[in-house]
């Protein structure tokens, strides 16, 4: 269940961040979606921690996944650049999260 809560936290955080981009482009009504997204993101992150997921692992995966997914979503939704260097950075993020998870399992 802790992983499901963490996945929810990631989805809501990315949704809140995407909404922030929409609000910053002049659609002020999206600020409500930003607030709701981040409120639910922190709520689900708290639930994941309550279920026993370690803080370092949970926060690392949450933050890194948010960065990677937001970059990809920005490319798809807003046609922002996603260069080979950026994709390499996402690969490093994924590698780092894996190493944190493997290290926590020992």
PDB file of N, CA and C in Angstrom:
ATOM      1  N   UNK A   1       0.830  -1.201   0.000  1.00  0.00           N
ATOM      2  CA  UNK A   1       0.000   0.000   0.000  1.00  0.00           C
ATOM      3  C   UNK A   1       0.869   1.257   0.000  1.00  0.00           C
ATOM      4  N   UNK A   2       2.042   1.154   0.638  1.00  0.00           N
ATOM      5  CA  UNK A   2       2.919   2.327   0.705  1.00  0.00           C
ATOM      6  C   UNK A   2       3.351   2.796  -0.682  1.00  0.00           C
ATOM      7  N   UNK A   3       3.558   1.843  -1.597  1.00  0.00           N
ATOM      8  CA  UNK A   3       3.967   2.208  -2.959  1.00  0.00           C
ATOM      9  C   UNK A   3       2.819   2.834  -3.732  1.00  0.00           C
ATOM     10  N   UNK A   4       1.613   2.396  -3.461  1.00  0.00           N
ATOM     11  CA  UNK A   4       0.441   2.995  -4.103  1.00  0.00           C
ATOM     12  C   UNK A   4       0.268   4.439  -3.636  1.00  0.00           C
ATOM     13  N   UNK A   5       0.466   4.663  -2.342  1.00  0.00           N
ATOM     14  CA  UNK A   5       0.398   6.030  -1.819  1.00  0.00           C
ATOM     15  C   UNK A   5       1.499   6.902  -2.436  1.00  0.00           C
ATOM     16  N   UNK A   6       2.690   6.348  -2.573  1.00  0.00           N
ATOM     17  CA  UNK A   6       3.782   7.107  -3.170  1.00  0.00           C
ATOM     18  C   UNK A   6       3.477   7.434  -4.631  1.00  0.00           C
ATOM     19  N   UNK A   7       2.916   6.479  -5.358  1.00  0.00           N
ATOM     20  CA  UNK A   7       2.534   6.733  -6.756  1.00  0.00           C
ATOM     21  C   UNK A   7       1.494   7.852  -6.822  1.00  0.00           C
ATOM     22  N   UNK A   8       0.541   7.842  -5.903  1.00  0.00           N
ATOM     23  CA  UNK A   8      -0.455   8.914  -5.853  1.00  0.00           C
ATOM     24  C   UNK A   8       0.192  10.263  -5.585  1.00  0.00           C
ATOM     25  N   UNK A   9       1.159  10.282  -4.679  1.00  0.00           N
ATOM     26  CA  UNK A   9       1.867  11.530  -4.372  1.00  0.00           C
ATOM     27  C   UNK A   9       2.586  12.064  -5.607  1.00  0.00           C
ATOM     28  N   UNK A  10       3.191  11.166  -6.367  1.00  0.00           N
ATOM     29  CA  UNK A  10       3.911  11.572  -7.573  1.00  0.00           C
ATOM     30  C   UNK A  10       2.942  12.124  -8.616  1.00  0.00           C
ATOM     31  N   UNK A  11       1.849  11.427  -8.833  1.00  0.00           N
ATOM     32  CA  UNK A  11       0.861  11.867  -9.833  1.00  0.00           C
ATOM     33  C   UNK A  11       0.297  13.243  -9.475  1.00  0.00           C
ATOM     34  N   UNK A  12      -0.053  13.443  -8.211  1.00  0.00           N
ATOM     35  CA  UNK A  12      -0.623  14.731  -7.819  1.00  0.00           C
ATOM     36  C   UNK A  12       0.415  15.852  -7.856  1.00  0.00           C
ATOM     37  N   UNK A  13       1.669  15.536  -7.528  1.00  0.00           N
ATOM     38  CA  UNK A  13       2.721  16.548  -7.596  1.00  0.00           C
ATOM     39  C   UNK A  13       2.960  16.987  -9.035  1.00  0.00           C
ATOM     40  N   UNK A  14       3.022  16.044  -9.946  1.00  0.00           N
ATOM     41  CA  UNK A  14       3.204  16.378 -11.361  1.00  0.00           C
ATOM     42  C   UNK A  14       1.990  17.151 -11.876  1.00  0.00           C
ATOM     43  N   UNK A  15       0.805  16.726 -11.497  1.00  0.00           N
ATOM     44  CA  UNK A  15      -0.405  17.450 -11.891  1.00  0.00           C
ATOM     45  C   UNK A  15      -0.412  18.879 -11.373  1.00  0.00           C
ATOM     46  N   UNK A  16       0.014  19.071 -10.136  1.00  0.00           N
ATOM     47  CA  UNK A  16       0.091  20.411  -9.573  1.00  0.00           C
ATOM     48  C   UNK A  16       1.109  21.279 -10.298  1.00  0.00           C
ATOM     49  N   UNK A  17       2.222  20.678 -10.650  1.00  0.00           N
ATOM     50  CA  UNK A  17       3.267  21.424 -11.351  1.00  0.00           C
ATOM     51  C   UNK A  17       2.830  21.790 -12.767  1.00  0.00           C
ATOM     52  N   UNK A  18       2.192  20.864 -13.450  1.00  0.00           N
ATOM     53  CA  UNK A  18       1.668  21.159 -14.788  1.00  0.00           C
ATOM     54  C   UNK A  18       0.610  22.260 -14.697  1.00  0.00           C
ATOM     55  N   UNK A  19      -0.223  22.214 -13.665  1.00  0.00           N
ATOM     56  CA  UNK A  19      -1.228  23.256 -13.462  1.00  0.00           C
ATOM     57  C   UNK A  19      -0.579  24.609 -13.198  1.00  0.00           C
ATOM     58  N   UNK A  20       0.565  24.587 -12.513  1.00  0.00           N
ATOM     59  CA  UNK A  20       1.285  25.833 -12.267  1.00  0.00           C
ATOM     60  C   UNK A  20       1.736  26.466 -13.582  1.00  0.00           C
ATOM     61  N   UNK A  21       2.183  25.638 -14.491  1.00  0.00           N
ATOM     62  CA  UNK A  21       2.589  26.137 -15.825  1.00  0.00           C
ATOM     63  C   UNK A  21       1.390  26.767 -16.543  1.00  0.00           C
ATOM     64  N   UNK A  22       0.236  26.116 -16.423  1.00  0.00           N
ATOM     65  CA  UNK A  22      -0.979  26.644 -17.049  1.00  0.00           C
ATOM     66  C   UNK A  22      -1.376  27.972 -16.400  1.00  0.00           C
ATOM     67  N   UNK A  23      -1.314  28.042 -15.085  1.00  0.00           N
ATOM     68  CA  UNK A  23      -1.677  29.270 -14.379  1.00  0.00           C
ATOM     69  C   UNK A  23      -0.722  30.406 -14.722  1.00  0.00           C
ATOM     70  N   UNK A  24       0.561  30.090 -14.845  1.00  0.00           N
ATOM     71  CA  UNK A  24       1.556  31.115 -15.154  1.00  0.00           C
ATOM     72  C   UNK A  24       1.399  31.651 -16.570  1.00  0.00           C
ATOM     73  N   UNK A  25       0.727  30.891 -17.432  1.00  0.00           N
ATOM     74  CA  UNK A  25       0.526  31.356 -18.809  1.00  0.00           C
ATOM     75  C   UNK A  25      -0.763  32.160 -18.958  1.00  0.00           C
ATOM     76  N   UNK A  26      -1.334  32.577 -17.852  1.00  0.00           N
ATOM     77  CA  UNK A  26      -2.485  33.471 -17.909  1.00  0.00           C
ATOM     78  C   UNK A  26      -3.811  32.854 -17.523  1.00  0.00           C
ATOM     79  N   UNK A  27      -3.836  31.576 -17.295  1.00  0.00           N
ATOM     80  CA  UNK A  27      -5.090  30.914 -16.914  1.00  0.00           C
ATOM     81  C   UNK A  27      -5.146  30.807 -15.389  1.00  0.00           C
ATOM     82  N   UNK A  28      -5.507  31.883 -14.748  1.00  0.00           N
ATOM     83  CA  UNK A  28      -5.446  32.014 -13.287  1.00  0.00           C
ATOM     84  C   UNK A  28      -6.264  30.965 -12.542  1.00  0.00           C
ATOM     85  N   UNK A  29      -7.311  30.441 -13.154  1.00  0.00           N
ATOM     86  CA  UNK A  29      -8.148  29.444 -12.484  1.00  0.00           C
ATOM     87  C   UNK A  29      -7.361  28.186 -12.132  1.00  0.00           C
ATOM     88  N   UNK A  30      -6.258  27.956 -12.819  1.00  0.00           N
ATOM     89  CA  UNK A  30      -5.453  26.767 -12.553  1.00  0.00           C
ATOM     90  C   UNK A  30      -4.708  26.841 -11.223  1.00  0.00           C
ATOM     91  N   UNK A  31      -4.646  28.014 -10.593  1.00  0.00           N
ATOM     92  CA  UNK A  31      -4.003  28.093  -9.277  1.00  0.00           C
ATOM     93  C   UNK A  31      -4.722  27.211  -8.261  1.00  0.00           C
ATOM     94  N   UNK A  32      -6.029  27.047  -8.413  1.00  0.00           N
ATOM     95  CA  UNK A  32      -6.770  26.146  -7.519  1.00  0.00           C
ATOM     96  C   UNK A  32      -6.292  24.709  -7.715  1.00  0.00           C
ATOM     97  N   UNK A  33      -6.053  24.314  -8.956  1.00  0.00           N
ATOM     98  CA  UNK A  33      -5.551  22.963  -9.232  1.00  0.00           C
ATOM     99  C   UNK A  33      -4.140  22.782  -8.680  1.00  0.00           C
ATOM    100  N   UNK A  34      -3.346  23.839  -8.687  1.00  0.00           N
ATOM    101  CA  UNK A  34      -2.004  23.779  -8.100  1.00  0.00           C
ATOM    102  C   UNK A  34      -2.119  23.469  -6.612  1.00  0.00           C
ATOM    103  N   UNK A  35      -2.966  24.224  -5.919  1.00  0.00           N
ATOM    104  CA  UNK A  35      -3.139  24.031  -4.472  1.00  0.00           C
ATOM    105  C   UNK A  35      -3.656  22.628  -4.163  1.00  0.00           C
ATOM    106  N   UNK A  36      -4.647  22.178  -4.903  1.00  0.00           N
ATOM    107  CA  UNK A  36      -5.204  20.839  -4.679  1.00  0.00           C
ATOM    108  C   UNK A  36      -4.156  19.771  -4.983  1.00  0.00           C
ATOM    109  N   UNK A  37      -3.424  19.934  -6.079  1.00  0.00           N
ATOM    110  CA  UNK A  37      -2.402  18.957  -6.451  1.00  0.00           C
ATOM    111  C   UNK A  37      -1.349  18.804  -5.375  1.00  0.00           C
ATOM    112  N   UNK A  38      -0.835  19.921  -4.880  1.00  0.00           N
ATOM    113  CA  UNK A  38       0.207  19.839  -3.854  1.00  0.00           C
ATOM    114  C   UNK A  38      -0.342  19.374  -2.509  1.00  0.00           C
ATOM    115  N   UNK A  39      -1.578  19.762  -2.186  1.00  0.00           N
ATOM    116  CA  UNK A  39      -2.192  19.278  -0.945  1.00  0.00           C
ATOM    117  C   UNK A  39      -2.305  17.753  -0.967  1.00  0.00           C
ATOM    118  N   UNK A  40      -2.811  17.215  -2.066  1.00  0.00           N
ATOM    119  CA  UNK A  40      -2.934  15.766  -2.177  1.00  0.00           C
ATOM    120  C   UNK A  40      -1.574  15.085  -2.283  1.00  0.00           C
ATOM    121  N   UNK A  41      -0.621  15.728  -2.944  1.00  0.00           N
ATOM    122  CA  UNK A  41       0.714  15.141  -3.052  1.00  0.00           C
ATOM    123  C   UNK A  41       1.325  14.955  -1.670  1.00  0.00           C
ATOM    124  N   UNK A  42       1.260  15.981  -0.838  1.00  0.00           N
ATOM    125  CA  UNK A  42       1.828  15.859   0.507  1.00  0.00           C
ATOM    126  C   UNK A  42       1.007  14.920   1.390  1.00  0.00           C
ATOM    127  N   UNK A  43      -0.293  14.881   1.178  1.00  0.00           N
ATOM    128  CA  UNK A  43      -1.130  13.948   1.928  1.00  0.00           C
ATOM    129  C   UNK A  43      -0.746  12.504   1.593  1.00  0.00           C
ATOM    130  N   UNK A  44      -0.631  12.189   0.315  1.00  0.00           N
ATOM    131  CA  UNK A  44      -0.258  10.834  -0.087  1.00  0.00           C
ATOM    132  C   UNK A  44       1.174  10.494   0.324  1.00  0.00           C
ATOM    133  N   UNK A  45       2.072  11.473   0.284  1.00  0.00           N
ATOM    134  CA  UNK A  45       3.439  11.224   0.745  1.00  0.00           C
ATOM    135  C   UNK A  45       3.442  10.904   2.238  1.00  0.00           C
ATOM    136  N   UNK A  46       2.646  11.622   2.999  1.00  0.00           N
ATOM    137  CA  UNK A  46       2.519  11.346   4.431  1.00  0.00           C
ATOM    138  C   UNK A  46       1.964   9.948   4.677  1.00  0.00           C
ATOM    139  N   UNK A  47       0.971   9.557   3.899  1.00  0.00           N
ATOM    140  CA  UNK A  47       0.394   8.216   4.043  1.00  0.00           C
ATOM    141  C   UNK A  47       1.425   7.138   3.722  1.00  0.00           C
ATOM    142  N   UNK A  48       2.253   7.380   2.706  1.00  0.00           N
ATOM    143  CA  UNK A  48       3.310   6.421   2.364  1.00  0.00           C
ATOM    144  C   UNK A  48       4.292   6.282   3.525  1.00  0.00           C
ATOM    145  N   UNK A  49       4.632   7.396   4.140  1.00  0.00           N
ATOM    146  CA  UNK A  49       5.539   7.355   5.286  1.00  0.00           C
ATOM    147  C   UNK A  49       4.883   6.652   6.478  1.00  0.00           C
ATOM    148  N   UNK A  50       3.595   6.910   6.692  1.00  0.00           N
ATOM    149  CA  UNK A  50       2.857   6.240   7.774  1.00  0.00           C
ATOM    150  C   UNK A  50       2.811   4.729   7.585  1.00  0.00           C
ATOM    151  N   UNK A  51       2.854   4.279   6.337  1.00  0.00           N
ATOM    152  CA  UNK A  51       2.836   2.841   6.042  1.00  0.00           C
ATOM    153  C   UNK A  51       4.216   2.205   6.202  1.00  0.00           C
ATOM    154  N   UNK A  52       5.222   3.003   6.544  1.00  0.00           N
ATOM    155  CA  UNK A  52       6.530   2.451   6.831  1.00  0.00           C
ATOM    156  C   UNK A  52       7.600   2.679   5.774  1.00  0.00           C
ATOM    157  N   UNK A  53       7.288   3.390   4.733  1.00  0.00           N
ATOM    158  CA  UNK A  53       8.295   3.685   3.717  1.00  0.00           C
ATOM    159  C   UNK A  53       9.296   4.672   4.308  1.00  0.00           C
ATOM    160  N   UNK A  54      10.578   4.411   4.120  1.00  0.00           N
ATOM    161  CA  UNK A  54      11.605   5.279   4.672  1.00  0.00           C
ATOM    162  C   UNK A  54      11.590   6.655   4.033  1.00  0.00           C
ATOM    163  N   UNK A  55      11.893   7.668   4.826  1.00  0.00           N
ATOM    164  CA  UNK A  55      11.837   9.041   4.344  1.00  0.00           C
ATOM    165  C   UNK A  55      12.806   9.277   3.190  1.00  0.00           C
ATOM    166  N   UNK A  56      14.034   8.795   3.309  1.00  0.00           N
ATOM    167  CA  UNK A  56      15.019   9.000   2.242  1.00  0.00           C
ATOM    168  C   UNK A  56      14.591   8.373   0.934  1.00  0.00           C
ATOM    169  N   UNK A  57      14.065   7.167   1.019  1.00  0.00           N
ATOM    170  CA  UNK A  57      13.600   6.465  -0.177  1.00  0.00           C
ATOM    171  C   UNK A  57      12.368   7.160  -0.748  1.00  0.00           C
ATOM    172  N   UNK A  58      11.383   7.444   0.108  1.00  0.00           N
ATOM    173  CA  UNK A  58      10.136   8.060  -0.356  1.00  0.00           C
ATOM    174  C   UNK A  58      10.390   9.418  -0.979  1.00  0.00           C
ATOM    175  N   UNK A  59      11.145  10.257  -0.308  1.00  0.00           N
ATOM    176  CA  UNK A  59      11.378  11.597  -0.834  1.00  0.00           C
ATOM    177  C   UNK A  59      12.229  11.547  -2.097  1.00  0.00           C
ATOM    178  N   UNK A  60      13.221  10.683  -2.106  1.00  0.00           N
ATOM    179  CA  UNK A  60      14.072  10.563  -3.289  1.00  0.00           C
ATOM    180  C   UNK A  60      13.290  10.143  -4.516  1.00  0.00           C
ATOM    181  N   UNK A  61      12.476   9.131  -4.364  1.00  0.00           N
ATOM    182  CA  UNK A  61      11.672   8.654  -5.492  1.00  0.00           C
ATOM    183  C   UNK A  61      10.640   9.692  -5.891  1.00  0.00           C
ATOM    184  N   UNK A  62       9.986  10.295  -4.917  1.00  0.00           N
ATOM    185  CA  UNK A  62       8.964  11.301  -5.174  1.00  0.00           C
ATOM    186  C   UNK A  62       9.543  12.489  -5.943  1.00  0.00           C
ATOM    187  N   UNK A  63      10.638  13.029  -5.447  1.00  0.00           N
ATOM    188  CA  UNK A  63      11.231  14.209  -6.072  1.00  0.00           C
ATOM    189  C   UNK A  63      11.812  13.882  -7.450  1.00  0.00           C
ATOM    190  N   UNK A  64      12.550  12.799  -7.536  1.00  0.00           N
ATOM    191  CA  UNK A  64      13.192  12.443  -8.807  1.00  0.00           C
ATOM    192  C   UNK A  64      12.159  12.086  -9.870  1.00  0.00           C
ATOM    193  N   UNK A  65      11.163  11.326  -9.494  1.00  0.00           N
ATOM    194  CA  UNK A  65      10.115  10.961 -10.444  1.00  0.00           C
ATOM    195  C   UNK A  65       9.359  12.194 -10.901  1.00  0.00           C
ATOM    196  N   UNK A  66       9.122  13.112  -9.979  1.00  0.00           N
ATOM    197  CA  UNK A  66       8.436  14.351 -10.341  1.00  0.00           C
ATOM    198  C   UNK A  66       9.207  15.149 -11.374  1.00  0.00           C
ATOM    199  N   UNK A  67      10.517  15.252 -11.188  1.00  0.00           N
ATOM    200  CA  UNK A  67      11.355  15.984 -12.144  1.00  0.00           C
ATOM    201  C   UNK A  67      11.292  15.314 -13.517  1.00  0.00           C
ATOM    202  N   UNK A  68      11.491  14.009 -13.550  1.00  0.00           N
ATOM    203  CA  UNK A  68      11.521  13.277 -14.822  1.00  0.00           C
ATOM    204  C   UNK A  68      10.167  13.325 -15.520  1.00  0.00           C
ATOM    205  N   UNK A  69       9.103  13.039 -14.810  1.00  0.00           N
ATOM    206  CA  UNK A  69       7.780  13.029 -15.426  1.00  0.00           C
ATOM    207  C   UNK A  69       7.334  14.421 -15.864  1.00  0.00           C
ATOM    208  N   UNK A  70       7.704  15.434 -15.093  1.00  0.00           N
ATOM    209  CA  UNK A  70       7.349  16.800 -15.473  1.00  0.00           C
ATOM    210  C   UNK A  70       8.074  17.210 -16.751  1.00  0.00           C
ATOM    211  N   UNK A  71       9.318  16.815 -16.890  1.00  0.00           N
ATOM    212  CA  UNK A  71      10.062  17.130 -18.115  1.00  0.00           C
ATOM    213  C   UNK A  71       9.416  16.476 -19.330  1.00  0.00           C
ATOM    214  N   UNK A  72       9.022  15.226 -19.187  1.00  0.00           N
ATOM    215  CA  UNK A  72       8.382  14.515 -20.299  1.00  0.00           C
ATOM    216  C   UNK A  72       7.004  15.118 -20.591  1.00  0.00           C
ATOM    217  N   UNK A  73       6.236  15.386 -19.547  1.00  0.00           N
ATOM    218  CA  UNK A  73       4.902  15.973 -19.733  1.00  0.00           C
ATOM    219  C   UNK A  73       4.999  17.364 -20.363  1.00  0.00           C
ATOM    220  N   UNK A  74       6.008  18.129 -19.985  1.00  0.00           N
ATOM    221  CA  UNK A  74       6.195  19.459 -20.568  1.00  0.00           C
ATOM    222  C   UNK A  74       6.482  19.369 -22.060  1.00  0.00           C
ATOM    223  N   UNK A  75       7.204  18.340 -22.441  1.00  0.00           N
ATOM    224  CA  UNK A  75       7.482  18.124 -23.864  1.00  0.00           C
ATOM    225  C   UNK A  75       6.183  17.821 -24.620  1.00  0.00           C
ATOM    226  N   UNK A  76       5.388  16.928 -24.056  1.00  0.00           N
ATOM    227  CA  UNK A  76       4.156  16.487 -24.709  1.00  0.00           C
ATOM    228  C   UNK A  76       3.097  17.593 -24.715  1.00  0.00           C
ATOM    229  N   UNK A  77       2.901  18.246 -23.579  1.00  0.00           N
ATOM    230  CA  UNK A  77       1.800  19.201 -23.452  1.00  0.00           C
ATOM    231  C   UNK A  77       2.132  20.603 -23.948  1.00  0.00           C
ATOM    232  N   UNK A  78       3.385  21.029 -23.730  1.00  0.00           N
ATOM    233  CA  UNK A  78       3.749  22.413 -24.024  1.00  0.00           C
ATOM    234  C   UNK A  78       4.813  22.539 -25.104  1.00  0.00           C
ATOM    235  N   UNK A  79       5.211  21.413 -25.670  1.00  0.00           N
ATOM    236  CA  UNK A  79       6.217  21.391 -26.734  1.00  0.00           C
ATOM    237  C   UNK A  79       7.534  22.037 -26.295  1.00  0.00           C
ATOM    238  N   UNK A  80       7.860  21.870 -25.014  1.00  0.00           N
ATOM    239  CA  UNK A  80       9.135  22.368 -24.502  1.00  0.00           C
ATOM    240  C   UNK A  80      10.234  21.399 -24.916  1.00  0.00           C
ATOM    241  N   UNK A  81      11.469  21.861 -24.944  1.00  0.00           N
ATOM    242  CA  UNK A  81      12.554  20.979 -25.410  1.00  0.00           C
ATOM    243  C   UNK A  81      12.806  19.810 -24.461  1.00  0.00           C
ATOM    244  N   UNK A  82      13.174  18.700 -25.047  1.00  0.00           N
ATOM    245  CA  UNK A  82      13.628  17.529 -24.297  1.00  0.00           C
ATOM    246  C   UNK A  82      14.824  16.994 -25.084  1.00  0.00           C
ATOM    247  N   UNK A  83      15.963  17.580 -24.809  1.00  0.00           N
ATOM    248  CA  UNK A  83      17.176  17.309 -25.569  1.00  0.00           C
ATOM    249  C   UNK A  83      17.829  15.997 -25.131  1.00  0.00           C
ATOM    250  N   UNK A  84      18.746  15.493 -25.918  1.00  0.00           N
ATOM    251  CA  UNK A  84      19.479  14.291 -25.499  1.00  0.00           C
ATOM    252  C   UNK A  84      20.191  14.468 -24.151  1.00  0.00           C
ATOM    253  N   UNK A  85      20.705  15.649 -23.901  1.00  0.00           N
ATOM    254  CA  UNK A  85      21.356  15.900 -22.607  1.00  0.00           C
ATOM    255  C   UNK A  85      20.334  15.800 -21.472  1.00  0.00           C
ATOM    256  N   UNK A  86      19.149  16.348 -21.701  1.00  0.00           N
ATOM    257  CA  UNK A  86      18.089  16.265 -20.694  1.00  0.00           C
ATOM    258  C   UNK A  86      17.664  14.819 -20.475  1.00  0.00           C
ATOM    259  N   UNK A  87      17.547  14.057 -21.545  1.00  0.00           N
ATOM    260  CA  UNK A  87      17.186  12.642 -21.417  1.00  0.00           C
ATOM    261  C   UNK A  87      18.275  11.882 -20.669  1.00  0.00           C
ATOM    262  N   UNK A  88      19.541  12.253 -20.898  1.00  0.00           N
ATOM    263  CA  UNK A  88      20.634  11.655 -20.135  1.00  0.00           C
ATOM    264  C   UNK A  88      20.504  11.977 -18.655  1.00  0.00           C
ATOM    265  N   UNK A  89      20.101  13.197 -18.352  1.00  0.00           N
ATOM    266  CA  UNK A  89      19.863  13.582 -16.960  1.00  0.00           C
ATOM    267  C   UNK A  89      18.748  12.776 -16.328  1.00  0.00           C
ATOM    268  N   UNK A  90      17.682  12.533 -17.089  1.00  0.00           N
ATOM    269  CA  UNK A  90      16.583  11.704 -16.589  1.00  0.00           C
ATOM    270  C   UNK A  90      17.079  10.287 -16.331  1.00  0.00           C
ATOM    271  N   UNK A  91      17.921   9.760 -17.217  1.00  0.00           N
ATOM    272  CA  UNK A  91      18.494   8.423 -17.002  1.00  0.00           C
ATOM    273  C   UNK A  91      19.337   8.396 -15.727  1.00  0.00           C
ATOM    274  N   UNK A  92      20.084   9.464 -15.474  1.00  0.00           N
ATOM    275  CA  UNK A  92      20.870   9.531 -14.241  1.00  0.00           C
ATOM    276  C   UNK A  92      19.972   9.604 -13.015  1.00  0.00           C
ATOM    277  N   UNK A  93      18.867  10.336 -13.130  1.00  0.00           N
ATOM    278  CA  UNK A  93      17.905  10.400 -12.021  1.00  0.00           C
ATOM    279  C   UNK A  93      17.366   9.012 -11.712  1.00  0.00           C
ATOM    280  N   UNK A  94      16.958   8.297 -12.760  1.00  0.00           N
ATOM    281  CA  UNK A  94      16.430   6.935 -12.578  1.00  0.00           C
ATOM    282  C   UNK A  94      17.488   6.044 -11.936  1.00  0.00           C
ATOM    283  N   UNK A  95      18.718   6.155 -12.404  1.00  0.00           N
ATOM    284  CA  UNK A  95      19.807   5.356 -11.835  1.00  0.00           C
ATOM    285  C   UNK A  95      20.022   5.698 -10.366  1.00  0.00           C
ATOM    286  N   UNK A  96      20.005   6.984 -10.057  1.00  0.00           N
ATOM    287  CA  UNK A  96      20.185   7.404  -8.672  1.00  0.00           C
ATOM    288  C   UNK A  96      19.094   6.897  -7.752  1.00  0.00           C
ATOM    289  N   UNK A  97      17.848   6.964  -8.220  1.00  0.00           N
ATOM    290  CA  UNK A  97      16.726   6.462  -7.417  1.00  0.00           C
ATOM    291  C   UNK A  97      16.872   4.959  -7.194  1.00  0.00           C
ATOM    292  N   UNK A  98      17.261   4.238  -8.237  1.00  0.00           N
ATOM    293  CA  UNK A  98      17.489   2.794  -8.085  1.00  0.00           C
ATOM    294  C   UNK A  98      18.571   2.496  -7.059  1.00  0.00           C
ATOM    295  N   UNK A  99      19.649   3.252  -7.086  1.00  0.00           N
ATOM    296  CA  UNK A  99      20.734   3.045  -6.135  1.00  0.00           C
ATOM    297  C   UNK A  99      20.288   3.351  -4.705  1.00  0.00           C
ATOM    298  N   UNK A 100      19.483   4.394  -4.541  1.00  0.00           N
ATOM    299  CA  UNK A 100      18.962   4.698  -3.200  1.00  0.00           C
ATOM    300  C   UNK A 100      18.077   3.556  -2.713  1.00  0.00           C
ATOM    301  N   UNK A 101      17.219   3.045  -3.588  1.00  0.00           N
ATOM    302  CA  UNK A 101      16.325   1.947  -3.212  1.00  0.00           C
ATOM    303  C   UNK A 101      17.122   0.692  -2.888  1.00  0.00           C
ATOM    304  N   UNK A 102      18.108   0.361  -3.705  1.00  0.00           N
ATOM    305  CA  UNK A 102      18.932  -0.823  -3.443  1.00  0.00           C
ATOM    306  C   UNK A 102      19.687  -0.662  -2.132  1.00  0.00           C
ATOM    307  N   UNK A 103      20.211   0.535  -1.904  1.00  0.00           N
ATOM    308  CA  UNK A 103      20.939   0.793  -0.656  1.00  0.00           C
ATOM    309  C   UNK A 103      20.046   0.698   0.565  1.00  0.00           C
ATOM    310  N   UNK A 104      18.795   1.084   0.441  1.00  0.00           N
ATOM    311  CA  UNK A 104      17.861   1.030   1.567  1.00  0.00           C
ATOM    312  C   UNK A 104      17.444  -0.390   1.880  1.00  0.00           C
ATOM    313  N   UNK A 105      17.495  -1.250   0.871  1.00  0.00           N
ATOM    314  CA  UNK A 105      17.046  -2.646   1.050  1.00  0.00           C
ATOM    315  C   UNK A 105      18.089  -3.489   1.798  1.00  0.00           C
ATOM    316  N   UNK A 106      19.306  -3.011   1.898  1.00  0.00           N
ATOM    317  CA  UNK A 106      20.383  -3.782   2.535  1.00  0.00           C
ATOM    318  C   UNK A 106      20.320  -3.732   4.016  1.00  0.00           C
TER     319      UNK A 106
END
